N, C-alpha and C. Protein backbone atom coordinates (compact mmCIF):
# COMPACT_ATOMS: atom_id res chain seq x y z
N HIS A 1 0.85 -1.18 0.00
CA HIS A 1 0.00 0.00 0.00
C HIS A 1 0.88 1.23 0.00
N ASP A 2 0.63 2.16 -0.91
CA ASP A 2 1.46 3.36 -1.06
C ASP A 2 2.93 2.99 -1.00
N LYS A 3 3.66 3.55 -0.05
CA LYS A 3 5.10 3.29 0.04
C LYS A 3 5.42 2.04 0.84
N TYR A 4 4.42 1.40 1.42
CA TYR A 4 4.64 0.21 2.24
C TYR A 4 4.37 -1.06 1.45
N GLU A 5 5.18 -2.05 1.71
CA GLU A 5 4.95 -3.36 1.12
C GLU A 5 4.92 -4.36 2.27
N PHE A 6 3.82 -5.08 2.38
CA PHE A 6 3.65 -6.03 3.47
C PHE A 6 3.76 -7.45 2.94
N ARG A 7 4.64 -8.22 3.53
CA ARG A 7 4.78 -9.62 3.15
C ARG A 7 3.76 -10.44 3.93
N ILE A 8 2.99 -11.24 3.21
CA ILE A 8 1.98 -12.09 3.82
C ILE A 8 2.02 -13.44 3.12
N PRO A 9 2.35 -14.51 3.86
CA PRO A 9 2.38 -15.83 3.23
C PRO A 9 0.99 -16.19 2.69
N SER A 10 0.95 -16.77 1.50
CA SER A 10 -0.34 -17.13 0.91
C SER A 10 -0.87 -18.44 1.47
N SER A 11 0.00 -19.24 2.08
CA SER A 11 -0.47 -20.50 2.67
C SER A 11 0.40 -20.86 3.88
N GLY A 12 -0.15 -21.73 4.72
CA GLY A 12 0.60 -22.24 5.86
C GLY A 12 0.47 -21.42 7.13
N PHE A 13 -0.16 -20.26 7.05
CA PHE A 13 -0.34 -19.40 8.21
C PHE A 13 -1.80 -19.00 8.33
N PHE A 14 -2.24 -18.83 9.58
CA PHE A 14 -3.58 -18.35 9.88
C PHE A 14 -3.43 -17.10 10.73
N PHE A 15 -4.33 -16.15 10.54
CA PHE A 15 -4.23 -14.85 11.21
C PHE A 15 -5.50 -14.53 11.99
N ASN A 16 -5.32 -13.77 13.08
CA ASN A 16 -6.49 -13.22 13.75
C ASN A 16 -6.58 -11.74 13.42
N GLU A 17 -7.65 -11.11 13.85
CA GLU A 17 -7.85 -9.70 13.53
C GLU A 17 -6.87 -8.79 14.26
N ASN A 18 -6.10 -9.35 15.19
CA ASN A 18 -5.14 -8.59 15.98
C ASN A 18 -3.72 -8.67 15.42
N ASP A 19 -3.58 -9.13 14.18
CA ASP A 19 -2.30 -9.16 13.47
C ASP A 19 -1.30 -10.14 14.08
N VAL A 20 -1.82 -11.21 14.67
CA VAL A 20 -0.98 -12.28 15.21
C VAL A 20 -1.26 -13.53 14.37
N TRP A 21 -0.19 -14.24 14.03
CA TRP A 21 -0.32 -15.42 13.18
C TRP A 21 -0.08 -16.71 13.95
N ALA A 22 -0.58 -17.80 13.37
CA ALA A 22 -0.33 -19.15 13.87
C ALA A 22 0.10 -19.99 12.68
N GLN A 23 1.16 -20.75 12.88
CA GLN A 23 1.61 -21.71 11.88
C GLN A 23 1.43 -23.09 12.51
N ILE A 24 0.56 -23.89 11.93
CA ILE A 24 0.18 -25.18 12.50
C ILE A 24 1.08 -26.28 11.96
N CYS A 25 1.55 -27.14 12.86
CA CYS A 25 2.33 -28.31 12.47
C CYS A 25 1.90 -29.45 13.38
N GLY A 26 1.05 -30.31 12.84
CA GLY A 26 0.52 -31.41 13.65
C GLY A 26 -0.38 -30.90 14.76
N THR A 27 -0.01 -31.20 15.99
CA THR A 27 -0.82 -30.79 17.15
C THR A 27 -0.27 -29.54 17.83
N ARG A 28 0.65 -28.87 17.14
CA ARG A 28 1.27 -27.67 17.72
C ARG A 28 1.13 -26.48 16.79
N ALA A 29 1.24 -25.30 17.38
CA ALA A 29 1.22 -24.06 16.61
C ALA A 29 2.29 -23.12 17.12
N ARG A 30 3.02 -22.53 16.21
CA ARG A 30 3.92 -21.45 16.56
C ARG A 30 3.17 -20.16 16.30
N VAL A 31 3.38 -19.17 17.18
CA VAL A 31 2.68 -17.88 17.03
C VAL A 31 3.69 -16.74 17.00
N GLY A 32 3.33 -15.68 16.27
CA GLY A 32 4.17 -14.50 16.15
C GLY A 32 3.36 -13.35 15.59
N ILE A 33 4.02 -12.23 15.32
CA ILE A 33 3.30 -11.06 14.78
C ILE A 33 3.55 -10.92 13.29
N SER A 34 2.59 -10.33 12.63
CA SER A 34 2.64 -10.19 11.17
C SER A 34 3.63 -9.10 10.74
N ASP A 35 3.98 -9.15 9.48
CA ASP A 35 4.84 -8.13 8.90
C ASP A 35 4.17 -6.76 9.01
N TYR A 36 2.89 -6.72 8.78
CA TYR A 36 2.16 -5.45 8.91
C TYR A 36 2.36 -4.84 10.29
N MET A 37 2.20 -5.65 11.35
CA MET A 37 2.34 -5.11 12.70
C MET A 37 3.77 -4.75 13.02
N GLN A 38 4.74 -5.58 12.62
CA GLN A 38 6.13 -5.24 12.94
C GLN A 38 6.54 -3.94 12.24
N GLN A 39 5.99 -3.67 11.06
CA GLN A 39 6.29 -2.40 10.40
C GLN A 39 5.65 -1.23 11.12
N ARG A 40 4.47 -1.44 11.66
CA ARG A 40 3.81 -0.37 12.41
C ARG A 40 4.56 -0.06 13.71
N LEU A 41 5.08 -1.12 14.35
CA LEU A 41 5.82 -0.93 15.60
C LEU A 41 7.22 -0.38 15.36
N THR A 42 7.79 -0.62 14.22
CA THR A 42 9.16 -0.31 13.83
C THR A 42 10.15 -1.09 14.68
N ASP A 43 11.13 -0.46 15.26
CA ASP A 43 12.26 -1.15 15.90
C ASP A 43 11.86 -1.88 17.18
N ILE A 44 11.68 -3.19 17.07
CA ILE A 44 11.31 -4.00 18.23
C ILE A 44 12.53 -4.18 19.11
N SER A 45 12.36 -3.84 20.40
CA SER A 45 13.50 -3.84 21.32
C SER A 45 13.37 -4.83 22.46
N PHE A 46 12.18 -5.40 22.65
CA PHE A 46 11.98 -6.30 23.78
C PHE A 46 10.83 -7.25 23.48
N VAL A 47 11.01 -8.52 23.85
CA VAL A 47 9.96 -9.53 23.72
C VAL A 47 9.73 -10.14 25.08
N ASP A 48 8.48 -10.17 25.51
CA ASP A 48 8.11 -10.78 26.79
C ASP A 48 7.20 -11.98 26.47
N PRO A 49 7.79 -13.18 26.38
CA PRO A 49 7.00 -14.35 26.02
C PRO A 49 6.19 -14.86 27.22
N PRO A 50 5.24 -15.74 26.97
CA PRO A 50 4.50 -16.36 28.08
C PRO A 50 5.39 -17.38 28.79
N GLN A 51 4.98 -17.79 29.96
CA GLN A 51 5.73 -18.79 30.73
C GLN A 51 5.45 -20.18 30.16
N LEU A 52 6.47 -21.02 30.16
CA LEU A 52 6.28 -22.42 29.77
C LEU A 52 5.22 -23.05 30.66
N GLY A 53 4.38 -23.88 30.08
CA GLY A 53 3.34 -24.58 30.84
C GLY A 53 2.06 -23.80 31.02
N THR A 54 2.05 -22.53 30.62
CA THR A 54 0.86 -21.70 30.74
C THR A 54 -0.19 -22.15 29.73
N THR A 55 -1.43 -22.30 30.18
CA THR A 55 -2.53 -22.60 29.27
C THR A 55 -3.16 -21.28 28.85
N ILE A 56 -3.30 -21.11 27.55
CA ILE A 56 -3.81 -19.86 26.98
C ILE A 56 -5.04 -20.16 26.14
N GLU A 57 -6.06 -19.37 26.34
CA GLU A 57 -7.27 -19.49 25.53
C GLU A 57 -7.12 -18.65 24.27
N GLN A 58 -7.85 -19.02 23.22
CA GLN A 58 -7.86 -18.21 22.01
C GLN A 58 -8.29 -16.80 22.39
N PHE A 59 -7.57 -15.82 21.93
CA PHE A 59 -7.75 -14.39 22.19
C PHE A 59 -7.26 -13.97 23.58
N GLY A 60 -6.58 -14.88 24.29
CA GLY A 60 -5.91 -14.52 25.53
C GLY A 60 -4.52 -13.98 25.21
N GLU A 61 -3.85 -13.45 26.22
CA GLU A 61 -2.51 -12.88 26.00
C GLU A 61 -1.47 -13.99 25.89
N VAL A 62 -0.66 -13.92 24.83
CA VAL A 62 0.40 -14.90 24.62
C VAL A 62 1.75 -14.18 24.53
N GLY A 63 1.92 -13.17 25.36
CA GLY A 63 3.15 -12.41 25.41
C GLY A 63 2.95 -10.99 24.90
N SER A 64 4.07 -10.27 24.83
CA SER A 64 4.03 -8.90 24.32
C SER A 64 5.38 -8.54 23.71
N VAL A 65 5.36 -7.52 22.89
CA VAL A 65 6.59 -6.98 22.32
C VAL A 65 6.58 -5.47 22.54
N GLU A 66 7.78 -4.92 22.66
CA GLU A 66 7.91 -3.47 22.81
C GLU A 66 8.85 -2.95 21.73
N SER A 67 8.54 -1.75 21.31
CA SER A 67 9.39 -1.09 20.32
C SER A 67 9.66 0.33 20.79
N THR A 68 10.38 1.06 19.98
CA THR A 68 10.63 2.46 20.32
C THR A 68 9.34 3.28 20.25
N LYS A 69 8.32 2.76 19.57
CA LYS A 69 7.05 3.47 19.41
C LYS A 69 5.98 3.07 20.42
N ALA A 70 5.90 1.76 20.72
CA ALA A 70 4.75 1.28 21.49
C ALA A 70 5.00 -0.10 22.07
N SER A 71 4.07 -0.48 22.93
CA SER A 71 4.03 -1.84 23.46
C SER A 71 2.83 -2.52 22.81
N PHE A 72 2.98 -3.81 22.47
CA PHE A 72 1.93 -4.52 21.75
C PHE A 72 1.68 -5.86 22.43
N GLU A 73 0.46 -6.07 22.89
CA GLU A 73 0.07 -7.33 23.50
C GLU A 73 -0.30 -8.31 22.40
N LEU A 74 0.29 -9.50 22.44
CA LEU A 74 -0.02 -10.52 21.46
C LEU A 74 -1.29 -11.25 21.88
N VAL A 75 -2.30 -11.16 21.04
CA VAL A 75 -3.57 -11.83 21.28
C VAL A 75 -3.52 -13.17 20.56
N SER A 76 -3.56 -14.24 21.33
CA SER A 76 -3.34 -15.57 20.78
C SER A 76 -4.39 -15.97 19.75
N PRO A 77 -3.95 -16.44 18.59
CA PRO A 77 -4.90 -16.92 17.59
C PRO A 77 -5.43 -18.31 17.91
N VAL A 78 -4.78 -19.03 18.84
CA VAL A 78 -5.16 -20.41 19.15
C VAL A 78 -5.17 -20.65 20.66
N SER A 79 -5.85 -21.70 21.06
CA SER A 79 -5.86 -22.15 22.45
C SER A 79 -4.86 -23.28 22.61
N GLY A 80 -4.17 -23.29 23.75
CA GLY A 80 -3.22 -24.37 23.98
C GLY A 80 -2.33 -24.10 25.16
N THR A 81 -1.38 -25.00 25.35
CA THR A 81 -0.41 -24.90 26.44
C THR A 81 0.95 -24.58 25.86
N VAL A 82 1.63 -23.60 26.44
CA VAL A 82 2.95 -23.18 25.96
C VAL A 82 3.96 -24.29 26.24
N VAL A 83 4.56 -24.81 25.16
CA VAL A 83 5.54 -25.89 25.30
C VAL A 83 6.96 -25.47 24.91
N ARG A 84 7.08 -24.35 24.18
CA ARG A 84 8.40 -23.83 23.81
C ARG A 84 8.35 -22.32 23.68
N ILE A 85 9.49 -21.71 23.97
CA ILE A 85 9.68 -20.28 23.78
C ILE A 85 10.85 -20.13 22.82
N ASN A 86 10.76 -19.18 21.92
CA ASN A 86 11.85 -18.91 20.99
C ASN A 86 12.86 -17.99 21.69
N GLU A 87 13.91 -18.58 22.23
CA GLU A 87 14.91 -17.80 22.96
C GLU A 87 15.64 -16.81 22.07
N THR A 88 15.70 -17.09 20.78
CA THR A 88 16.38 -16.17 19.86
C THR A 88 15.71 -14.81 19.86
N VAL A 89 14.38 -14.77 19.85
CA VAL A 89 13.70 -13.46 19.84
C VAL A 89 13.82 -12.76 21.19
N GLU A 90 14.01 -13.51 22.26
CA GLU A 90 14.27 -12.87 23.55
C GLU A 90 15.64 -12.19 23.52
N ASP A 91 16.64 -12.89 22.96
CA ASP A 91 18.00 -12.36 22.91
C ASP A 91 18.18 -11.32 21.81
N ILE A 92 17.51 -11.54 20.69
CA ILE A 92 17.64 -10.66 19.52
C ILE A 92 16.23 -10.26 19.05
N PRO A 93 15.54 -9.39 19.79
CA PRO A 93 14.15 -9.06 19.43
C PRO A 93 14.00 -8.45 18.05
N GLU A 94 15.02 -7.76 17.57
CA GLU A 94 14.94 -7.14 16.24
C GLU A 94 14.86 -8.17 15.12
N SER A 95 15.08 -9.45 15.44
CA SER A 95 14.93 -10.49 14.42
C SER A 95 13.49 -10.55 13.91
N ILE A 96 12.54 -10.10 14.72
CA ILE A 96 11.14 -10.04 14.28
C ILE A 96 11.00 -9.03 13.14
N ASN A 97 11.71 -7.90 13.23
CA ASN A 97 11.66 -6.90 12.16
C ASN A 97 12.26 -7.46 10.87
N GLU A 98 13.28 -8.30 10.99
CA GLU A 98 13.96 -8.84 9.82
C GLU A 98 13.18 -10.00 9.18
N ASP A 99 12.54 -10.83 10.01
CA ASP A 99 11.85 -12.02 9.50
C ASP A 99 10.64 -12.34 10.40
N PRO A 100 9.54 -11.61 10.23
CA PRO A 100 8.41 -11.78 11.13
C PRO A 100 7.76 -13.17 11.09
N TYR A 101 7.87 -13.88 9.97
CA TYR A 101 7.24 -15.20 9.88
C TYR A 101 8.20 -16.33 10.25
N GLY A 102 9.45 -16.04 10.38
CA GLY A 102 10.42 -17.02 10.86
C GLY A 102 10.74 -16.82 12.33
N SER A 103 10.40 -15.66 12.84
CA SER A 103 10.70 -15.30 14.24
C SER A 103 9.47 -15.48 15.12
N TRP A 104 9.10 -16.71 15.33
CA TRP A 104 7.96 -17.03 16.19
C TRP A 104 8.31 -16.72 17.64
N ILE A 105 7.31 -16.54 18.46
CA ILE A 105 7.53 -16.16 19.86
C ILE A 105 7.29 -17.32 20.81
N ALA A 106 6.22 -18.06 20.58
CA ALA A 106 5.91 -19.20 21.45
C ALA A 106 5.33 -20.32 20.61
N GLU A 107 5.47 -21.54 21.12
CA GLU A 107 4.87 -22.72 20.50
C GLU A 107 3.90 -23.33 21.49
N LEU A 108 2.69 -23.59 21.03
CA LEU A 108 1.65 -24.13 21.89
C LEU A 108 1.22 -25.51 21.43
N GLU A 109 0.95 -26.37 22.39
CA GLU A 109 0.30 -27.65 22.12
C GLU A 109 -1.19 -27.32 22.03
N LEU A 110 -1.77 -27.54 20.86
CA LEU A 110 -3.16 -27.14 20.62
C LEU A 110 -4.14 -27.98 21.44
N ASN A 111 -5.22 -27.33 21.90
CA ASN A 111 -6.25 -28.10 22.58
C ASN A 111 -7.65 -27.88 22.02
N SER A 112 -7.82 -26.95 21.07
CA SER A 112 -9.15 -26.70 20.48
C SER A 112 -9.03 -26.26 19.03
N TRP A 113 -8.13 -26.87 18.28
CA TRP A 113 -7.86 -26.39 16.93
C TRP A 113 -9.11 -26.36 16.05
N GLN A 114 -9.94 -27.39 16.10
CA GLN A 114 -11.14 -27.42 15.25
C GLN A 114 -12.01 -26.19 15.48
N GLU A 115 -12.17 -25.81 16.75
CA GLU A 115 -12.99 -24.63 17.06
C GLU A 115 -12.24 -23.34 16.75
N ASP A 116 -10.95 -23.29 17.11
CA ASP A 116 -10.17 -22.07 16.93
C ASP A 116 -10.11 -21.63 15.48
N GLN A 117 -9.95 -22.57 14.56
CA GLN A 117 -9.74 -22.19 13.16
C GLN A 117 -10.95 -21.51 12.55
N THR A 118 -12.13 -21.69 13.13
CA THR A 118 -13.32 -21.03 12.57
C THR A 118 -13.25 -19.51 12.74
N LEU A 119 -12.40 -19.02 13.66
CA LEU A 119 -12.30 -17.59 13.90
C LEU A 119 -11.01 -16.98 13.33
N LEU A 120 -10.32 -17.73 12.47
CA LEU A 120 -9.08 -17.26 11.87
C LEU A 120 -9.25 -17.14 10.35
N ILE A 121 -8.36 -16.37 9.74
CA ILE A 121 -8.39 -16.22 8.29
C ILE A 121 -7.05 -16.64 7.70
N ASP A 122 -7.07 -17.02 6.41
CA ASP A 122 -5.85 -17.44 5.74
C ASP A 122 -5.11 -16.22 5.18
N GLY A 123 -3.97 -16.47 4.55
CA GLY A 123 -3.14 -15.40 4.01
C GLY A 123 -3.84 -14.46 3.05
N PRO A 124 -4.51 -14.98 2.01
CA PRO A 124 -5.19 -14.08 1.08
C PRO A 124 -6.27 -13.20 1.75
N ALA A 125 -7.04 -13.77 2.67
CA ALA A 125 -8.06 -12.99 3.37
C ALA A 125 -7.40 -11.95 4.27
N TYR A 126 -6.29 -12.33 4.90
CA TYR A 126 -5.57 -11.39 5.75
C TYR A 126 -4.98 -10.26 4.91
N ALA A 127 -4.48 -10.57 3.72
CA ALA A 127 -3.95 -9.54 2.82
C ALA A 127 -5.01 -8.49 2.51
N ALA A 128 -6.23 -8.94 2.27
CA ALA A 128 -7.33 -8.00 2.02
C ALA A 128 -7.60 -7.15 3.26
N ASP A 129 -7.52 -7.77 4.44
CA ASP A 129 -7.73 -7.05 5.69
C ASP A 129 -6.63 -6.01 5.90
N VAL A 130 -5.39 -6.37 5.62
CA VAL A 130 -4.27 -5.44 5.76
C VAL A 130 -4.42 -4.28 4.77
N GLN A 131 -4.86 -4.58 3.58
CA GLN A 131 -5.09 -3.51 2.59
C GLN A 131 -6.10 -2.51 3.13
N ARG A 132 -7.16 -2.99 3.72
CA ARG A 132 -8.18 -2.11 4.31
C ARG A 132 -7.58 -1.30 5.45
N LYS A 133 -6.84 -1.96 6.36
CA LYS A 133 -6.24 -1.26 7.50
C LYS A 133 -5.25 -0.19 7.05
N ALA A 134 -4.42 -0.52 6.05
CA ALA A 134 -3.41 0.43 5.56
C ALA A 134 -4.08 1.65 4.92
N THR A 135 -5.20 1.43 4.26
CA THR A 135 -5.93 2.52 3.65
C THR A 135 -6.50 3.47 4.70
N GLU A 136 -6.92 2.89 5.83
CA GLU A 136 -7.50 3.69 6.92
C GLU A 136 -6.45 4.46 7.71
N ASP A 137 -5.19 3.98 7.68
CA ASP A 137 -4.12 4.64 8.46
C ASP A 137 -3.78 6.01 7.92
């Protein structure tokens, strides 16, 4: 949109309306923030992941990120239990700015995927949503 270009995978990722993605692999999902959101936040300087073993409901908090502009609460696209944290983004938070879809924040063991997916959208639908949001900005 205008001078901005947002990378959005066309497949393999699901998005919620809060610009947080889930990448499903079997019974687990990795979650992170979209390219659109990382560009809005600009220089990400801190990642606060959830605690291991925490059970998170869909649309519950699954961590937060801070940048020089703002703090952003990650609204979980899926329900599950936190089984892994990406230590790389804790140590190098700016990796999210460089690769938002490779720099996941937490991995959850899914517990309601069939229900959760009904409230998520795929890449092409999310691209249309981002186009609308960018136009409104």
